[in-house]
Amino acid sequence: AKAPLGTSVEWDAEVTSDVEGEKIGWKSAEIAEVPNSGVVEFRETKNRGTEVRVTLTYEPPAGKIGALIAKLF
């Protein structure tokens, strides 16, 4: 994932839920630089195609200050 100041972050994750055609959930491995979890949901649209919704929760480095800096970038 892109991070502030042109850096990037990567992590290993495990699947926590997998409902075919509906959603995939994950959580990061315990050693992740940025602990995170989330879910990707898939919904068919009326006309055609699929709506994709991603919900991501993470703990930024440096706590609230890190969150503020991430928001600025």
N, C-alpha and C. Protein backbone atom coordinates (compact mmCIF):
# COMPACT_ATOMS: atom_id res chain seq x y z
N ALA A 1 0.85 -1.17 0.00
CA ALA A 1 0.00 0.00 0.00
C ALA A 1 0.89 1.23 0.00
N LYS A 2 0.42 2.29 -0.65
CA LYS A 2 1.15 3.54 -0.63
C LYS A 2 1.08 4.15 0.76
N ALA A 3 2.18 4.77 1.17
CA ALA A 3 2.26 5.42 2.47
C ALA A 3 2.78 6.85 2.25
N PRO A 4 2.71 7.69 3.27
CA PRO A 4 3.17 9.06 3.12
C PRO A 4 4.63 9.16 2.69
N LEU A 5 4.95 10.29 2.08
CA LEU A 5 6.31 10.64 1.66
C LEU A 5 6.90 9.66 0.65
N GLY A 6 6.05 9.13 -0.22
CA GLY A 6 6.52 8.26 -1.29
C GLY A 6 6.97 6.87 -0.85
N THR A 7 6.63 6.49 0.35
CA THR A 7 7.00 5.16 0.83
C THR A 7 5.85 4.19 0.62
N SER A 8 6.10 2.94 0.93
CA SER A 8 5.04 1.93 0.83
C SER A 8 5.15 0.97 2.02
N VAL A 9 4.06 0.27 2.25
CA VAL A 9 3.98 -0.69 3.35
C VAL A 9 3.38 -1.97 2.78
N GLU A 10 3.88 -3.11 3.22
CA GLU A 10 3.28 -4.38 2.82
C GLU A 10 3.17 -5.28 4.03
N TRP A 11 2.29 -6.28 3.94
CA TRP A 11 2.06 -7.16 5.06
C TRP A 11 1.52 -8.49 4.58
N ASP A 12 1.63 -9.48 5.44
CA ASP A 12 1.01 -10.77 5.20
C ASP A 12 -0.34 -10.75 5.90
N ALA A 13 -1.31 -11.44 5.32
CA ALA A 13 -2.66 -11.46 5.90
C ALA A 13 -3.25 -12.85 5.79
N GLU A 14 -4.25 -13.10 6.63
CA GLU A 14 -4.98 -14.35 6.54
C GLU A 14 -6.45 -14.06 6.27
N VAL A 15 -7.06 -14.92 5.49
CA VAL A 15 -8.48 -14.78 5.16
C VAL A 15 -9.30 -15.16 6.39
N THR A 16 -10.24 -14.28 6.77
CA THR A 16 -11.09 -14.55 7.93
C THR A 16 -12.51 -14.94 7.53
N SER A 17 -12.90 -14.58 6.32
CA SER A 17 -14.21 -14.99 5.80
C SER A 17 -14.13 -15.00 4.28
N ASP A 18 -14.86 -15.92 3.69
CA ASP A 18 -14.88 -16.02 2.23
C ASP A 18 -16.22 -16.61 1.81
N VAL A 19 -17.11 -15.72 1.37
CA VAL A 19 -18.42 -16.14 0.90
C VAL A 19 -18.44 -15.89 -0.60
N GLU A 20 -18.41 -16.96 -1.37
CA GLU A 20 -18.29 -16.86 -2.82
C GLU A 20 -19.29 -15.88 -3.42
N GLY A 21 -18.76 -14.93 -4.20
CA GLY A 21 -19.59 -13.94 -4.87
C GLY A 21 -20.14 -12.85 -3.98
N GLU A 22 -19.83 -12.88 -2.66
CA GLU A 22 -20.37 -11.89 -1.74
C GLU A 22 -19.30 -11.08 -1.01
N LYS A 23 -18.35 -11.77 -0.36
CA LYS A 23 -17.37 -11.02 0.42
C LYS A 23 -16.13 -11.85 0.72
N ILE A 24 -15.02 -11.13 0.97
CA ILE A 24 -13.77 -11.72 1.43
C ILE A 24 -13.27 -10.83 2.57
N GLY A 25 -13.00 -11.43 3.71
CA GLY A 25 -12.47 -10.68 4.85
C GLY A 25 -11.05 -11.12 5.15
N TRP A 26 -10.28 -10.23 5.77
CA TRP A 26 -8.90 -10.56 6.12
C TRP A 26 -8.49 -9.85 7.41
N LYS A 27 -7.37 -10.31 7.97
CA LYS A 27 -6.70 -9.59 9.05
C LYS A 27 -5.21 -9.80 8.84
N SER A 28 -4.44 -8.80 9.20
CA SER A 28 -3.00 -8.87 9.00
C SER A 28 -2.38 -9.84 9.99
N ALA A 29 -1.20 -10.34 9.62
CA ALA A 29 -0.44 -11.19 10.52
C ALA A 29 0.01 -10.35 11.71
N GLU A 30 0.29 -11.01 12.81
CA GLU A 30 0.65 -10.31 14.06
C GLU A 30 1.87 -9.41 13.90
N ILE A 31 2.78 -9.72 12.97
CA ILE A 31 4.01 -8.95 12.83
C ILE A 31 3.90 -7.78 11.84
N ALA A 32 2.71 -7.47 11.38
CA ALA A 32 2.53 -6.40 10.39
C ALA A 32 2.99 -5.05 10.94
N GLU A 33 3.67 -4.28 10.08
CA GLU A 33 4.08 -2.92 10.46
C GLU A 33 2.86 -2.06 10.78
N VAL A 34 1.80 -2.26 10.03
CA VAL A 34 0.56 -1.52 10.23
C VAL A 34 -0.55 -2.56 10.41
N PRO A 35 -0.89 -2.90 11.65
CA PRO A 35 -1.95 -3.89 11.86
C PRO A 35 -3.25 -3.42 11.20
N ASN A 36 -3.91 -4.35 10.49
CA ASN A 36 -5.12 -3.98 9.77
C ASN A 36 -6.04 -5.17 9.59
N SER A 37 -7.28 -4.87 9.25
CA SER A 37 -8.25 -5.89 8.91
C SER A 37 -9.28 -5.24 8.00
N GLY A 38 -10.06 -6.07 7.34
CA GLY A 38 -11.07 -5.49 6.48
C GLY A 38 -11.90 -6.52 5.77
N VAL A 39 -12.76 -6.02 4.93
CA VAL A 39 -13.63 -6.88 4.13
C VAL A 39 -13.88 -6.20 2.78
N VAL A 40 -13.94 -7.01 1.74
CA VAL A 40 -14.30 -6.55 0.41
C VAL A 40 -15.64 -7.21 0.11
N GLU A 41 -16.65 -6.39 -0.20
CA GLU A 41 -18.00 -6.89 -0.49
C GLU A 41 -18.33 -6.65 -1.96
N PHE A 42 -19.01 -7.61 -2.55
CA PHE A 42 -19.40 -7.54 -3.96
C PHE A 42 -20.91 -7.55 -4.05
N ARG A 43 -21.47 -6.59 -4.79
CA ARG A 43 -22.93 -6.54 -4.98
C ARG A 43 -23.23 -6.31 -6.45
N GLU A 44 -24.12 -7.14 -6.98
CA GLU A 44 -24.53 -6.96 -8.37
C GLU A 44 -25.32 -5.67 -8.49
N THR A 45 -25.16 -4.97 -9.62
CA THR A 45 -25.94 -3.77 -9.87
C THR A 45 -27.15 -4.14 -10.72
N LYS A 46 -28.13 -3.23 -10.79
CA LYS A 46 -29.35 -3.52 -11.56
C LYS A 46 -29.07 -3.61 -13.05
N ASN A 47 -28.24 -2.71 -13.56
CA ASN A 47 -27.99 -2.69 -15.00
C ASN A 47 -26.97 -3.74 -15.42
N ARG A 48 -25.76 -3.60 -14.96
CA ARG A 48 -24.71 -4.58 -15.25
C ARG A 48 -23.49 -4.24 -14.41
N GLY A 49 -22.65 -5.19 -14.23
CA GLY A 49 -21.44 -4.96 -13.46
C GLY A 49 -21.62 -5.29 -11.99
N THR A 50 -20.60 -4.95 -11.23
CA THR A 50 -20.57 -5.27 -9.81
C THR A 50 -20.08 -4.05 -9.03
N GLU A 51 -20.77 -3.75 -7.94
CA GLU A 51 -20.32 -2.71 -7.03
C GLU A 51 -19.38 -3.38 -6.03
N VAL A 52 -18.22 -2.77 -5.81
CA VAL A 52 -17.24 -3.31 -4.88
C VAL A 52 -17.07 -2.31 -3.74
N ARG A 53 -17.24 -2.78 -2.52
CA ARG A 53 -17.10 -1.92 -1.35
C ARG A 53 -16.00 -2.50 -0.46
N VAL A 54 -15.04 -1.66 -0.08
CA VAL A 54 -13.93 -2.08 0.78
C VAL A 54 -14.02 -1.33 2.09
N THR A 55 -13.99 -2.07 3.19
CA THR A 55 -13.94 -1.48 4.52
C THR A 55 -12.61 -1.91 5.13
N LEU A 56 -11.80 -0.94 5.52
CA LEU A 56 -10.46 -1.19 6.04
C LEU A 56 -10.30 -0.51 7.38
N THR A 57 -9.81 -1.25 8.35
CA THR A 57 -9.50 -0.69 9.67
C THR A 57 -8.02 -0.91 9.90
N TYR A 58 -7.32 0.13 10.36
CA TYR A 58 -5.89 -0.04 10.60
C TYR A 58 -5.44 0.80 11.79
N GLU A 59 -4.29 0.42 12.32
CA GLU A 59 -3.68 1.15 13.43
C GLU A 59 -2.43 1.83 12.89
N PRO A 60 -2.49 3.13 12.65
CA PRO A 60 -1.35 3.81 12.06
C PRO A 60 -0.17 3.87 13.02
N PRO A 61 1.05 3.82 12.48
CA PRO A 61 2.22 4.02 13.33
C PRO A 61 2.12 5.39 13.99
N ALA A 62 2.58 5.52 15.18
CA ALA A 62 2.56 6.78 15.94
C ALA A 62 1.16 7.20 16.38
N GLY A 63 0.21 6.26 16.38
CA GLY A 63 -1.12 6.52 16.92
C GLY A 63 -1.87 7.66 16.26
N LYS A 64 -2.45 8.55 17.06
CA LYS A 64 -3.29 9.63 16.52
C LYS A 64 -2.48 10.61 15.67
N ILE A 65 -1.24 10.85 16.05
CA ILE A 65 -0.38 11.75 15.25
C ILE A 65 -0.14 11.12 13.88
N GLY A 66 0.14 9.82 13.85
CA GLY A 66 0.34 9.12 12.58
C GLY A 66 -0.91 9.16 11.73
N ALA A 67 -2.08 9.03 12.34
CA ALA A 67 -3.34 9.09 11.61
C ALA A 67 -3.53 10.47 10.99
N LEU A 68 -3.21 11.51 11.73
CA LEU A 68 -3.33 12.87 11.20
C LEU A 68 -2.40 13.08 10.02
N ILE A 69 -1.18 12.62 10.14
CA ILE A 69 -0.22 12.76 9.04
C ILE A 69 -0.70 11.97 7.81
N ALA A 70 -1.20 10.74 8.02
CA ALA A 70 -1.71 9.94 6.90
C ALA A 70 -2.86 10.63 6.21
N LYS A 71 -3.73 11.27 7.00
CA LYS A 71 -4.89 11.97 6.43
C LYS A 71 -4.45 13.13 5.55
N LEU A 72 -3.37 13.80 5.94
CA LEU A 72 -2.86 14.93 5.16
C LEU A 72 -2.34 14.48 3.80
N PHE A 73 -1.84 13.27 3.73
CA PHE A 73 -1.28 12.76 2.48
C PHE A 73 -2.27 11.93 1.73
